[in-house]
Amino acid sequence: MQRREFSQAALSAATLASLSAALPLTAQAQGKLPVEGTDYLQLDKPAPVEAAADKIEVVEFFWYSCPHCNVFEPQFDAWAKKAPKDVVVRRVPVSFRPDFEPQQRLYYVLEALGKVEALHKKVFYAIHVEKQALNTAELVAAWAEKQGINKAKFTELYNSFPVNLKARKATQLQDAFKVDGVPALGVAGSYYTSGSLAGTMERALTVAEYLIGLARKRK
């Protein structure tokens, strides 16, 4: 089944599998270095990166409506703020189905306005605490207006070529990494890990640190 044909139930199962927060690590797994094919995957064909050649890019794939992305966001944010100087972190909103696109575009409008730091967490809060759907262009524009963003300016950016391009590239990148659930992490355009692979998203961050080390050795 194509990912864009997921039912809501199937998609929820995919995101649940990706986080697997309740899955305990075995003592054996805790004492081992990450294993390719088990804890992470190496891409057959490198994915495009935006970071400079002397930097290592770490991508967080997410979906605002994913409850597990909501839980992971504070942890990832704290990790990103402490990342080494040679690591560049960026978030990439996924679009497994057409109804994901409004939230995907919302993120890139916030980025264009320099509002990610101020409003990224508030989008999660609106969806998961206030129970707002935010799954259409009209709903995200109305929400943005309540945050003090001019609605006409928001709509202009939402439909602009740069946002269209970024949304298209985001979907192409998720396909290049073969993302099958969120949250998930891509490292250096070459490695992929997630909660379903690493056991938990907390361990996925540890695996990502190991993969950053591998990427450094390749430079």
N, C-alpha and C. Protein backbone atom coordinates (compact mmCIF):
# COMPACT_ATOMS: atom_id res chain seq x y z
N MET A 1 0.85 -1.21 0.00
CA MET A 1 0.00 0.00 0.00
C MET A 1 0.87 1.24 0.00
N GLN A 2 0.54 2.18 -0.86
CA GLN A 2 1.29 3.42 -0.89
C GLN A 2 1.04 4.21 0.38
N ARG A 3 2.07 4.92 0.85
CA ARG A 3 1.91 5.67 2.08
C ARG A 3 0.83 6.73 1.97
N ARG A 4 0.65 7.31 0.81
CA ARG A 4 -0.35 8.36 0.65
C ARG A 4 -1.76 7.80 0.63
N GLU A 5 -1.88 6.48 0.68
CA GLU A 5 -3.20 5.86 0.72
C GLU A 5 -3.51 5.32 2.11
N PHE A 6 -2.69 5.65 3.10
CA PHE A 6 -2.94 5.21 4.47
C PHE A 6 -4.31 5.68 4.92
N SER A 7 -5.02 4.80 5.61
CA SER A 7 -6.20 5.25 6.34
C SER A 7 -5.72 5.96 7.59
N GLN A 8 -6.61 6.71 8.26
CA GLN A 8 -6.20 7.40 9.48
C GLN A 8 -5.74 6.38 10.52
N ALA A 9 -6.44 5.24 10.59
CA ALA A 9 -6.05 4.23 11.57
C ALA A 9 -4.68 3.66 11.26
N ALA A 10 -4.44 3.39 9.97
CA ALA A 10 -3.14 2.85 9.58
C ALA A 10 -2.04 3.85 9.85
N LEU A 11 -2.32 5.13 9.59
CA LEU A 11 -1.32 6.16 9.81
C LEU A 11 -1.00 6.29 11.29
N SER A 12 -2.04 6.22 12.13
CA SER A 12 -1.80 6.29 13.57
C SER A 12 -0.94 5.12 14.01
N ALA A 13 -1.19 3.95 13.43
CA ALA A 13 -0.37 2.79 13.78
C ALA A 13 1.07 3.00 13.35
N ALA A 14 1.26 3.65 12.19
CA ALA A 14 2.62 3.89 11.70
C ALA A 14 3.37 4.84 12.61
N THR A 15 2.69 5.90 13.04
CA THR A 15 3.37 6.85 13.92
C THR A 15 3.63 6.23 15.28
N LEU A 16 2.69 5.39 15.74
CA LEU A 16 2.89 4.71 17.01
C LEU A 16 4.08 3.78 16.93
N ALA A 17 4.18 3.06 15.80
CA ALA A 17 5.32 2.16 15.64
C ALA A 17 6.62 2.93 15.59
N SER A 18 6.59 4.13 15.00
CA SER A 18 7.81 4.92 14.87
C SER A 18 8.33 5.35 16.21
N LEU A 19 7.44 5.73 17.11
CA LEU A 19 7.92 6.19 18.41
C LEU A 19 8.20 5.02 19.33
N SER A 20 7.23 4.08 19.45
CA SER A 20 7.38 2.91 20.31
C SER A 20 7.93 3.28 21.67
N ALA A 21 7.35 4.31 22.27
CA ALA A 21 7.89 4.84 23.51
C ALA A 21 7.84 3.83 24.65
N ALA A 22 6.88 2.90 24.57
CA ALA A 22 6.74 1.97 25.67
C ALA A 22 7.60 0.72 25.50
N LEU A 23 8.31 0.62 24.39
CA LEU A 23 9.10 -0.58 24.12
C LEU A 23 10.40 -0.54 24.89
N PRO A 24 10.62 -1.44 25.86
CA PRO A 24 11.85 -1.40 26.63
C PRO A 24 13.03 -1.96 25.85
N LEU A 25 14.19 -1.38 26.06
CA LEU A 25 15.40 -1.92 25.46
C LEU A 25 15.88 -3.11 26.27
N THR A 26 16.34 -4.13 25.58
CA THR A 26 16.91 -5.26 26.29
C THR A 26 18.29 -4.89 26.80
N ALA A 27 18.76 -5.59 27.80
CA ALA A 27 20.09 -5.32 28.35
C ALA A 27 21.15 -5.49 27.28
N GLN A 28 20.93 -6.46 26.38
CA GLN A 28 21.90 -6.69 25.31
C GLN A 28 21.94 -5.49 24.37
N ALA A 29 20.75 -4.97 24.01
CA ALA A 29 20.70 -3.84 23.09
C ALA A 29 21.33 -2.61 23.70
N GLN A 30 21.15 -2.42 25.01
CA GLN A 30 21.68 -1.24 25.67
C GLN A 30 23.21 -1.21 25.63
N GLY A 31 23.84 -2.38 25.61
CA GLY A 31 25.29 -2.42 25.69
C GLY A 31 25.98 -2.48 24.35
N LYS A 32 25.25 -2.42 23.25
CA LYS A 32 25.83 -2.57 21.92
C LYS A 32 25.87 -1.26 21.18
N LEU A 33 26.85 -1.13 20.28
CA LEU A 33 26.84 -0.02 19.35
C LEU A 33 25.68 -0.20 18.38
N PRO A 34 25.14 0.88 17.84
CA PRO A 34 24.07 0.77 16.86
C PRO A 34 24.48 -0.13 15.69
N VAL A 35 23.54 -0.91 15.22
CA VAL A 35 23.80 -1.89 14.17
C VAL A 35 23.02 -1.50 12.91
N GLU A 36 23.72 -1.43 11.79
CA GLU A 36 23.06 -1.13 10.53
C GLU A 36 22.05 -2.22 10.20
N GLY A 37 20.89 -1.82 9.76
CA GLY A 37 19.83 -2.76 9.43
C GLY A 37 18.93 -3.07 10.61
N THR A 38 19.39 -2.75 11.81
CA THR A 38 18.60 -2.97 13.02
C THR A 38 18.24 -1.64 13.67
N ASP A 39 19.25 -0.84 13.98
CA ASP A 39 19.04 0.45 14.64
C ASP A 39 18.97 1.61 13.66
N TYR A 40 19.52 1.42 12.49
CA TYR A 40 19.50 2.46 11.47
C TYR A 40 19.66 1.83 10.09
N LEU A 41 19.35 2.60 9.07
CA LEU A 41 19.50 2.16 7.69
C LEU A 41 20.42 3.12 6.97
N GLN A 42 21.23 2.58 6.06
CA GLN A 42 22.03 3.43 5.19
C GLN A 42 21.37 3.46 3.82
N LEU A 43 21.17 4.66 3.28
CA LEU A 43 20.49 4.79 2.00
C LEU A 43 21.34 4.22 0.88
N ASP A 44 20.69 3.57 -0.07
CA ASP A 44 21.39 3.08 -1.26
C ASP A 44 21.89 4.24 -2.11
N LYS A 45 21.09 5.30 -2.15
CA LYS A 45 21.44 6.49 -2.92
C LYS A 45 21.36 7.70 -1.99
N PRO A 46 22.44 8.46 -1.83
CA PRO A 46 22.42 9.61 -0.92
C PRO A 46 21.30 10.59 -1.26
N ALA A 47 20.68 11.11 -0.21
CA ALA A 47 19.63 12.12 -0.37
C ALA A 47 20.27 13.51 -0.42
N PRO A 48 19.62 14.47 -1.04
CA PRO A 48 20.18 15.83 -1.08
C PRO A 48 20.23 16.46 0.30
N VAL A 49 21.25 17.27 0.53
CA VAL A 49 21.38 18.01 1.79
C VAL A 49 21.49 19.49 1.48
N GLU A 50 21.13 20.32 2.44
CA GLU A 50 21.23 21.76 2.27
C GLU A 50 22.43 22.34 3.02
N ALA A 51 23.01 21.56 3.92
CA ALA A 51 24.13 22.04 4.72
C ALA A 51 25.39 22.18 3.86
N ALA A 52 26.27 23.06 4.31
CA ALA A 52 27.56 23.23 3.64
C ALA A 52 28.39 21.95 3.73
N ALA A 53 29.38 21.83 2.85
CA ALA A 53 30.17 20.61 2.76
C ALA A 53 30.91 20.27 4.05
N ASP A 54 31.22 21.28 4.86
CA ASP A 54 31.94 21.02 6.10
C ASP A 54 31.00 20.82 7.29
N LYS A 55 29.71 20.72 7.02
CA LYS A 55 28.71 20.52 8.07
C LYS A 55 28.02 19.16 7.90
N ILE A 56 27.43 18.69 8.98
CA ILE A 56 26.66 17.45 8.96
C ILE A 56 25.20 17.79 9.24
N GLU A 57 24.34 17.44 8.32
CA GLU A 57 22.93 17.79 8.44
C GLU A 57 22.13 16.69 9.13
N VAL A 58 21.33 17.09 10.11
CA VAL A 58 20.39 16.18 10.77
C VAL A 58 18.98 16.71 10.51
N VAL A 59 18.15 15.87 9.92
CA VAL A 59 16.79 16.24 9.56
C VAL A 59 15.81 15.53 10.48
N GLU A 60 14.90 16.30 11.06
CA GLU A 60 13.78 15.69 11.79
C GLU A 60 12.56 15.72 10.88
N PHE A 61 12.04 14.56 10.55
CA PHE A 61 10.79 14.45 9.81
C PHE A 61 9.65 14.43 10.81
N PHE A 62 8.64 15.29 10.59
CA PHE A 62 7.55 15.37 11.55
C PHE A 62 6.24 15.71 10.86
N TRP A 63 5.16 15.57 11.61
CA TRP A 63 3.81 15.97 11.18
C TRP A 63 3.16 16.60 12.39
N TYR A 64 2.64 17.79 12.24
CA TYR A 64 2.06 18.49 13.38
C TYR A 64 0.96 17.69 14.06
N SER A 65 0.16 16.96 13.32
CA SER A 65 -0.96 16.23 13.92
C SER A 65 -0.55 14.90 14.55
N CYS A 66 0.70 14.50 14.40
CA CYS A 66 1.18 13.25 15.00
C CYS A 66 1.37 13.42 16.50
N PRO A 67 0.68 12.65 17.32
CA PRO A 67 0.83 12.79 18.78
C PRO A 67 2.24 12.48 19.26
N HIS A 68 2.93 11.60 18.58
CA HIS A 68 4.28 11.21 18.99
C HIS A 68 5.29 12.29 18.63
N CYS A 69 5.04 13.00 17.52
CA CYS A 69 5.87 14.16 17.20
C CYS A 69 5.68 15.25 18.24
N ASN A 70 4.46 15.39 18.71
CA ASN A 70 4.17 16.36 19.76
C ASN A 70 4.96 16.04 21.03
N VAL A 71 5.01 14.78 21.40
CA VAL A 71 5.76 14.36 22.59
C VAL A 71 7.26 14.53 22.38
N PHE A 72 7.72 14.22 21.18
CA PHE A 72 9.16 14.26 20.88
C PHE A 72 9.70 15.67 20.72
N GLU A 73 8.86 16.62 20.32
CA GLU A 73 9.32 17.96 19.99
C GLU A 73 10.17 18.61 21.07
N PRO A 74 9.75 18.65 22.35
CA PRO A 74 10.60 19.29 23.37
C PRO A 74 11.96 18.61 23.51
N GLN A 75 11.99 17.29 23.40
CA GLN A 75 13.23 16.55 23.52
C GLN A 75 14.15 16.85 22.34
N PHE A 76 13.59 16.87 21.14
CA PHE A 76 14.40 17.16 19.96
C PHE A 76 14.89 18.60 20.00
N ASP A 77 14.04 19.51 20.42
CA ASP A 77 14.42 20.92 20.48
C ASP A 77 15.60 21.11 21.43
N ALA A 78 15.54 20.46 22.60
CA ALA A 78 16.63 20.57 23.56
C ALA A 78 17.91 19.97 22.99
N TRP A 79 17.78 18.84 22.31
CA TRP A 79 18.96 18.19 21.69
C TRP A 79 19.55 19.09 20.61
N ALA A 80 18.69 19.67 19.78
CA ALA A 80 19.15 20.51 18.67
C ALA A 80 19.92 21.72 19.18
N LYS A 81 19.46 22.29 20.28
CA LYS A 81 20.11 23.49 20.81
C LYS A 81 21.49 23.18 21.39
N LYS A 82 21.76 21.92 21.68
CA LYS A 82 23.06 21.52 22.22
C LYS A 82 23.92 20.81 21.18
N ALA A 83 23.45 20.78 19.93
CA ALA A 83 24.18 20.06 18.89
C ALA A 83 25.56 20.68 18.66
N PRO A 84 26.56 19.86 18.31
CA PRO A 84 27.91 20.39 18.02
C PRO A 84 27.89 21.43 16.91
N LYS A 85 28.93 22.24 16.85
CA LYS A 85 28.99 23.34 15.89
C LYS A 85 29.01 22.87 14.44
N ASP A 86 29.48 21.64 14.22
CA ASP A 86 29.53 21.15 12.83
C ASP A 86 28.24 20.45 12.41
N VAL A 87 27.22 20.50 13.27
CA VAL A 87 25.94 19.86 12.97
C VAL A 87 24.89 20.92 12.67
N VAL A 88 24.21 20.78 11.54
CA VAL A 88 23.13 21.68 11.16
C VAL A 88 21.82 20.90 11.25
N VAL A 89 20.89 21.42 12.04
CA VAL A 89 19.61 20.74 12.26
C VAL A 89 18.51 21.46 11.49
N ARG A 90 17.69 20.70 10.82
CA ARG A 90 16.51 21.29 10.20
C ARG A 90 15.32 20.34 10.30
N ARG A 91 14.15 20.94 10.35
CA ARG A 91 12.91 20.18 10.43
C ARG A 91 12.29 20.08 9.05
N VAL A 92 11.72 18.93 8.75
CA VAL A 92 11.06 18.74 7.46
C VAL A 92 9.67 18.15 7.71
N PRO A 93 8.62 18.92 7.42
CA PRO A 93 7.25 18.40 7.59
C PRO A 93 6.90 17.44 6.47
N VAL A 94 6.37 16.29 6.82
CA VAL A 94 6.07 15.27 5.81
C VAL A 94 4.68 15.51 5.22
N SER A 95 4.44 14.86 4.10
CA SER A 95 3.12 14.89 3.47
C SER A 95 2.86 13.53 2.85
N PHE A 96 2.31 12.63 3.66
CA PHE A 96 2.00 11.29 3.18
C PHE A 96 0.72 11.28 2.34
N ARG A 97 -0.15 12.28 2.59
CA ARG A 97 -1.43 12.38 1.88
C ARG A 97 -1.71 13.84 1.58
N PRO A 98 -2.61 14.13 0.64
CA PRO A 98 -2.90 15.53 0.32
C PRO A 98 -3.35 16.36 1.51
N ASP A 99 -4.03 15.74 2.48
CA ASP A 99 -4.52 16.53 3.61
C ASP A 99 -3.42 16.87 4.62
N PHE A 100 -2.21 16.38 4.38
CA PHE A 100 -1.06 16.80 5.20
C PHE A 100 -0.50 18.15 4.73
N GLU A 101 -0.77 18.49 3.46
CA GLU A 101 -0.08 19.62 2.84
C GLU A 101 -0.35 20.97 3.52
N PRO A 102 -1.57 21.26 4.01
CA PRO A 102 -1.76 22.54 4.68
C PRO A 102 -0.81 22.76 5.86
N GLN A 103 -0.57 21.73 6.66
CA GLN A 103 0.36 21.86 7.78
C GLN A 103 1.80 21.94 7.29
N GLN A 104 2.10 21.24 6.21
CA GLN A 104 3.43 21.32 5.62
C GLN A 104 3.72 22.75 5.17
N ARG A 105 2.76 23.34 4.47
CA ARG A 105 2.91 24.71 4.01
C ARG A 105 2.92 25.70 5.17
N LEU A 106 2.13 25.42 6.19
CA LEU A 106 2.11 26.28 7.37
C LEU A 106 3.51 26.42 7.94
N TYR A 107 4.23 25.31 8.07
CA TYR A 107 5.58 25.36 8.62
C TYR A 107 6.47 26.27 7.76
N TYR A 108 6.37 26.13 6.45
CA TYR A 108 7.26 26.92 5.59
C TYR A 108 6.87 28.40 5.53
N VAL A 109 5.59 28.70 5.75
CA VAL A 109 5.20 30.11 5.88
C VAL A 109 5.79 30.68 7.17
N LEU A 110 5.69 29.93 8.26
CA LEU A 110 6.29 30.39 9.52
C LEU A 110 7.79 30.60 9.36
N GLU A 111 8.43 29.71 8.62
CA GLU A 111 9.87 29.83 8.38
C GLU A 111 10.16 31.10 7.57
N ALA A 112 9.36 31.36 6.55
CA ALA A 112 9.56 32.54 5.71
C ALA A 112 9.38 33.83 6.50
N LEU A 113 8.51 33.80 7.49
CA LEU A 113 8.23 34.98 8.31
C LEU A 113 9.17 35.08 9.53
N GLY A 114 10.05 34.10 9.70
CA GLY A 114 10.92 34.09 10.87
C GLY A 114 10.16 33.83 12.15
N LYS A 115 9.08 33.03 12.06
CA LYS A 115 8.21 32.81 13.21
C LYS A 115 8.26 31.37 13.76
N VAL A 116 9.18 30.56 13.27
CA VAL A 116 9.23 29.18 13.74
C VAL A 116 9.51 29.12 15.24
N GLU A 117 10.49 29.86 15.68
CA GLU A 117 10.85 29.84 17.11
C GLU A 117 9.66 30.24 17.98
N ALA A 118 8.90 31.23 17.52
CA ALA A 118 7.79 31.74 18.32
C ALA A 118 6.53 30.89 18.23
N LEU A 119 6.29 30.25 17.07
CA LEU A 119 4.98 29.63 16.86
C LEU A 119 4.98 28.12 16.60
N HIS A 120 6.14 27.52 16.36
CA HIS A 120 6.20 26.08 16.07
C HIS A 120 5.53 25.26 17.18
N LYS A 121 5.89 25.52 18.42
CA LYS A 121 5.31 24.77 19.54
C LYS A 121 3.83 25.09 19.71
N LYS A 122 3.45 26.31 19.34
CA LYS A 122 2.04 26.69 19.48
C LYS A 122 1.14 25.95 18.49
N VAL A 123 1.70 25.56 17.35
CA VAL A 123 0.92 24.76 16.40
C VAL A 123 0.61 23.40 17.04
N PHE A 124 1.62 22.77 17.62
CA PHE A 124 1.39 21.50 18.32
C PHE A 124 0.35 21.67 19.42
N TYR A 125 0.46 22.76 20.19
CA TYR A 125 -0.48 23.00 21.29
C TYR A 125 -1.90 23.17 20.77
N ALA A 126 -2.05 23.92 19.69
CA ALA A 126 -3.38 24.15 19.12
C ALA A 126 -4.04 22.83 18.70
N ILE A 127 -3.24 21.94 18.13
CA ILE A 127 -3.78 20.67 17.63
C ILE A 127 -4.02 19.67 18.76
N HIS A 128 -3.04 19.51 19.64
CA HIS A 128 -3.10 18.41 20.61
C HIS A 128 -3.73 18.78 21.94
N VAL A 129 -3.73 20.05 22.28
CA VAL A 129 -4.35 20.48 23.54
C VAL A 129 -5.69 21.17 23.27
N GLU A 130 -5.70 22.10 22.35
CA GLU A 130 -6.94 22.82 22.03
C GLU A 130 -7.82 22.07 21.04
N LYS A 131 -7.28 20.98 20.48
CA LYS A 131 -8.03 20.09 19.59
C LYS A 131 -8.52 20.78 18.31
N GLN A 132 -7.71 21.70 17.79
CA GLN A 132 -8.01 22.32 16.50
C GLN A 132 -7.50 21.42 15.38
N ALA A 133 -8.26 21.31 14.31
CA ALA A 133 -7.87 20.41 13.21
C ALA A 133 -6.69 20.96 12.42
N LEU A 134 -6.75 22.22 12.01
CA LEU A 134 -5.69 22.84 11.22
C LEU A 134 -5.26 21.97 10.04
N ASN A 135 -6.24 21.48 9.32
CA ASN A 135 -5.93 20.58 8.20
C ASN A 135 -6.45 21.09 6.85
N THR A 136 -6.78 22.38 6.79
CA THR A 136 -7.14 23.00 5.51
C THR A 136 -6.44 24.35 5.42
N ALA A 137 -6.33 24.87 4.21
CA ALA A 137 -5.71 26.18 4.02
C ALA A 137 -6.46 27.26 4.81
N GLU A 138 -7.78 27.16 4.82
CA GLU A 138 -8.59 28.16 5.52
C GLU A 138 -8.35 28.11 7.03
N LEU A 139 -8.27 26.90 7.58
CA LEU A 139 -8.09 26.76 9.02
C LEU A 139 -6.71 27.23 9.47
N VAL A 140 -5.68 26.91 8.71
CA VAL A 140 -4.33 27.35 9.11
C VAL A 140 -4.19 28.86 8.96
N ALA A 141 -4.84 29.43 7.95
CA ALA A 141 -4.78 30.89 7.76
C ALA A 141 -5.50 31.59 8.91
N ALA A 142 -6.65 31.05 9.32
CA ALA A 142 -7.41 31.64 10.42
C ALA A 142 -6.62 31.55 11.72
N TRP A 143 -5.95 30.41 11.92
CA TRP A 143 -5.13 30.25 13.13
C TRP A 143 -3.97 31.24 13.12
N ALA A 144 -3.32 31.38 12.00
CA ALA A 144 -2.19 32.30 11.89
C ALA A 144 -2.62 33.73 12.17
N GLU A 145 -3.81 34.09 11.69
CA GLU A 145 -4.31 35.45 11.93
C GLU A 145 -4.49 35.70 13.43
N LYS A 146 -4.94 34.70 14.15
CA LYS A 146 -5.11 34.83 15.61
C LYS A 146 -3.77 34.97 16.32
N GLN A 147 -2.68 34.58 15.65
CA GLN A 147 -1.34 34.72 16.24
C GLN A 147 -0.71 36.06 15.87
N GLY A 148 -1.49 36.91 15.22
CA GLY A 148 -1.00 38.24 14.87
C GLY A 148 -0.40 38.37 13.49
N ILE A 149 -0.54 37.33 12.66
CA ILE A 149 -0.01 37.37 11.30
C ILE A 149 -1.10 37.89 10.37
N ASN A 150 -0.76 38.86 9.55
CA ASN A 150 -1.71 39.40 8.59
C ASN A 150 -2.20 38.29 7.67
N LYS A 151 -3.51 38.12 7.60
CA LYS A 151 -4.07 37.00 6.85
C LYS A 151 -3.74 37.07 5.37
N ALA A 152 -3.80 38.27 4.80
CA ALA A 152 -3.49 38.42 3.37
C ALA A 152 -2.03 38.06 3.10
N LYS A 153 -1.13 38.48 3.98
CA LYS A 153 0.28 38.17 3.83
C LYS A 153 0.52 36.66 3.97
N PHE A 154 -0.17 36.06 4.95
CA PHE A 154 -0.04 34.62 5.15
C PHE A 154 -0.49 33.87 3.90
N THR A 155 -1.65 34.24 3.37
CA THR A 155 -2.20 33.56 2.19
C THR A 155 -1.30 33.73 0.98
N GLU A 156 -0.73 34.93 0.84
CA GLU A 156 0.19 35.18 -0.27
C GLU A 156 1.40 34.24 -0.19
N LEU A 157 1.97 34.14 1.00
CA LEU A 157 3.12 33.26 1.18
C LEU A 157 2.73 31.79 1.03
N TYR A 158 1.60 31.43 1.57
CA TYR A 158 1.11 30.05 1.51
C TYR A 158 1.04 29.56 0.06
N ASN A 159 0.64 30.45 -0.83
CA ASN A 159 0.48 30.09 -2.25
C ASN A 159 1.67 30.50 -3.12
N SER A 160 2.73 30.97 -2.49
CA SER A 160 3.87 31.49 -3.23
C SER A 160 4.74 30.38 -3.83
N PHE A 161 5.51 30.76 -4.83
CA PHE A 161 6.42 29.79 -5.45
C PHE A 161 7.45 29.24 -4.46
N PRO A 162 8.09 30.08 -3.62
CA PRO A 162 9.07 29.53 -2.67
C PRO A 162 8.49 28.49 -1.72
N VAL A 163 7.28 28.73 -1.22
CA VAL A 163 6.66 27.76 -0.32
C VAL A 163 6.24 26.51 -1.09
N ASN A 164 5.72 26.68 -2.29
CA ASN A 164 5.40 25.53 -3.14
C ASN A 164 6.64 24.66 -3.35
N LEU A 165 7.76 25.33 -3.65
CA LEU A 165 9.00 24.61 -3.93
C LEU A 165 9.49 23.87 -2.68
N LYS A 166 9.45 24.54 -1.53
CA LYS A 166 9.92 23.90 -0.31
C LYS A 166 9.04 22.70 0.05
N ALA A 167 7.74 22.83 -0.12
CA ALA A 167 6.83 21.72 0.17
C ALA A 167 7.13 20.54 -0.76
N ARG A 168 7.36 20.83 -2.03
CA ARG A 168 7.67 19.76 -2.98
C ARG A 168 8.99 19.08 -2.64
N LYS A 169 9.99 19.88 -2.29
CA LYS A 169 11.29 19.31 -1.93
C LYS A 169 11.20 18.50 -0.65
N ALA A 170 10.36 18.93 0.29
CA ALA A 170 10.19 18.19 1.54
C ALA A 170 9.62 16.80 1.26
N THR A 171 8.64 16.74 0.37
CA THR A 171 8.04 15.44 0.03
C THR A 171 9.04 14.58 -0.72
N GLN A 172 9.82 15.19 -1.59
CA GLN A 172 10.86 14.43 -2.29
C GLN A 172 11.91 13.89 -1.32
N LEU A 173 12.24 14.68 -0.30
CA LEU A 173 13.24 14.24 0.67
C LEU A 173 12.71 13.09 1.51
N GLN A 174 11.45 13.17 1.94
CA GLN A 174 10.89 12.07 2.72
C GLN A 174 10.89 10.78 1.89
N ASP A 175 10.65 10.93 0.59
CA ASP A 175 10.68 9.75 -0.28
C ASP A 175 12.11 9.23 -0.45
N ALA A 176 13.08 10.14 -0.53
CA ALA A 176 14.47 9.72 -0.67
C ALA A 176 14.94 8.92 0.55
N PHE A 177 14.46 9.33 1.74
CA PHE A 177 14.80 8.61 2.97
C PHE A 177 13.88 7.43 3.24
N LYS A 178 12.85 7.26 2.41
CA LYS A 178 11.87 6.19 2.57
C LYS A 178 11.20 6.26 3.95
N VAL A 179 10.84 7.46 4.34
CA VAL A 179 10.18 7.66 5.63
C VAL A 179 8.84 6.96 5.64
N ASP A 180 8.64 6.07 6.63
CA ASP A 180 7.39 5.32 6.70
C ASP A 180 6.61 5.62 7.97
N GLY A 181 7.07 6.55 8.76
CA GLY A 181 6.39 6.95 9.98
C GLY A 181 7.15 8.09 10.61
N VAL A 182 6.48 8.86 11.44
CA VAL A 182 7.12 9.99 12.10
C VAL A 182 6.85 9.94 13.60
N PRO A 183 7.76 10.54 14.40
CA PRO A 183 8.98 11.25 14.01
C PRO A 183 10.08 10.30 13.55
N ALA A 184 11.00 10.84 12.76
CA ALA A 184 12.14 10.07 12.26
C ALA A 184 13.28 11.03 11.99
N LEU A 185 14.49 10.49 11.88
CA LEU A 185 15.69 11.32 11.72
C LEU A 185 16.52 10.85 10.53
N GLY A 186 16.99 11.83 9.75
CA GLY A 186 17.92 11.56 8.67
C GLY A 186 19.24 12.24 8.98
N VAL A 187 20.34 11.56 8.73
CA VAL A 187 21.66 12.09 9.07
C VAL A 187 22.56 12.11 7.83
N ALA A 188 23.09 13.28 7.54
CA ALA A 188 24.10 13.46 6.48
C ALA A 188 23.64 12.98 5.12
N GLY A 189 22.34 12.96 4.89
CA GLY A 189 21.82 12.51 3.60
C GLY A 189 22.06 11.04 3.32
N SER A 190 22.53 10.30 4.33
CA SER A 190 22.94 8.92 4.10
C SER A 190 22.34 7.91 5.06
N TYR A 191 21.94 8.35 6.24
CA TYR A 191 21.48 7.43 7.28
C TYR A 191 20.08 7.80 7.76
N TYR A 192 19.34 6.79 8.19
CA TYR A 192 17.96 6.98 8.64
C TYR A 192 17.72 6.17 9.90
N THR A 193 17.11 6.79 10.90
CA THR A 193 16.73 6.06 12.10
C THR A 193 15.40 6.59 12.61
N SER A 194 14.77 5.81 13.44
CA SER A 194 13.45 6.18 13.98
C SER A 194 13.22 5.39 15.26
N GLY A 195 12.10 5.66 15.92
CA GLY A 195 11.77 4.91 17.13
C GLY A 195 11.54 3.44 16.87
N SER A 196 10.95 3.13 15.71
CA SER A 196 10.69 1.72 15.40
C SER A 196 11.98 0.95 15.15
N LEU A 197 13.00 1.63 14.65
CA LEU A 197 14.30 0.99 14.44
C LEU A 197 15.12 0.95 15.72
N ALA A 198 15.24 2.09 16.38
CA ALA A 198 16.14 2.20 17.54
C ALA A 198 15.52 1.72 18.84
N GLY A 199 14.20 1.60 18.88
CA GLY A 199 13.52 1.15 20.11
C GLY A 199 12.70 2.25 20.74
N THR A 200 13.27 3.44 20.86
CA THR A 200 12.57 4.63 21.33
C THR A 200 13.15 5.83 20.59
N MET A 201 12.45 6.93 20.62
CA MET A 201 13.00 8.13 19.99
C MET A 201 14.17 8.68 20.81
N GLU A 202 14.18 8.44 22.10
CA GLU A 202 15.33 8.85 22.91
C GLU A 202 16.58 8.13 22.43
N ARG A 203 16.45 6.83 22.19
CA ARG A 203 17.61 6.08 21.69
C ARG A 203 17.91 6.45 20.24
N ALA A 204 16.88 6.82 19.48
CA ALA A 204 17.12 7.25 18.11
C ALA A 204 18.05 8.46 18.08
N LEU A 205 17.93 9.34 19.07
CA LEU A 205 18.86 10.48 19.15
C LEU A 205 20.28 10.00 19.44
N THR A 206 20.40 8.98 20.29
CA THR A 206 21.72 8.41 20.57
C THR A 206 22.30 7.77 19.31
N VAL A 207 21.45 7.08 18.56
CA VAL A 207 21.88 6.49 17.29
C VAL A 207 22.29 7.59 16.32
N ALA A 208 21.54 8.68 16.29
CA ALA A 208 21.87 9.81 15.41
C ALA A 208 23.25 10.37 15.76
N GLU A 209 23.57 10.44 17.04
CA GLU A 209 24.90 10.92 17.46
C GLU A 209 25.99 9.98 16.95
N TYR A 210 25.72 8.69 17.00
CA TYR A 210 26.66 7.70 16.46
C TYR A 210 26.83 7.90 14.95
N LEU A 211 25.72 8.16 14.25
CA LEU A 211 25.76 8.35 12.81
C LEU A 211 26.47 9.64 12.44
N ILE A 212 26.35 10.66 13.27
CA ILE A 212 27.11 11.89 13.07
C ILE A 212 28.60 11.58 13.11
N GLY A 213 28.98 10.73 14.05
CA GLY A 213 30.38 10.31 14.13
C GLY A 213 30.83 9.58 12.88
N LEU A 214 29.97 8.71 12.34
CA LEU A 214 30.31 8.02 11.10
C LEU A 214 30.47 9.02 9.96
N ALA A 215 29.57 10.00 9.92
CA ALA A 215 29.63 11.01 8.85
C ALA A 215 30.90 11.83 8.93
N ARG A 216 31.35 12.12 10.15
CA ARG A 216 32.60 12.88 10.31
C ARG A 216 33.78 12.09 9.74
N LYS A 217 33.78 10.79 9.95
CA LYS A 217 34.89 9.97 9.47
C LYS A 217 34.93 9.92 7.96
N ARG A 218 33.80 10.14 7.32
CA ARG A 218 33.72 10.10 5.85
C ARG A 218 34.19 11.38 5.21
N LYS A 219 34.33 12.44 5.97
CA LYS A 219 34.71 13.73 5.41
C LYS A 219 36.21 13.83 5.18
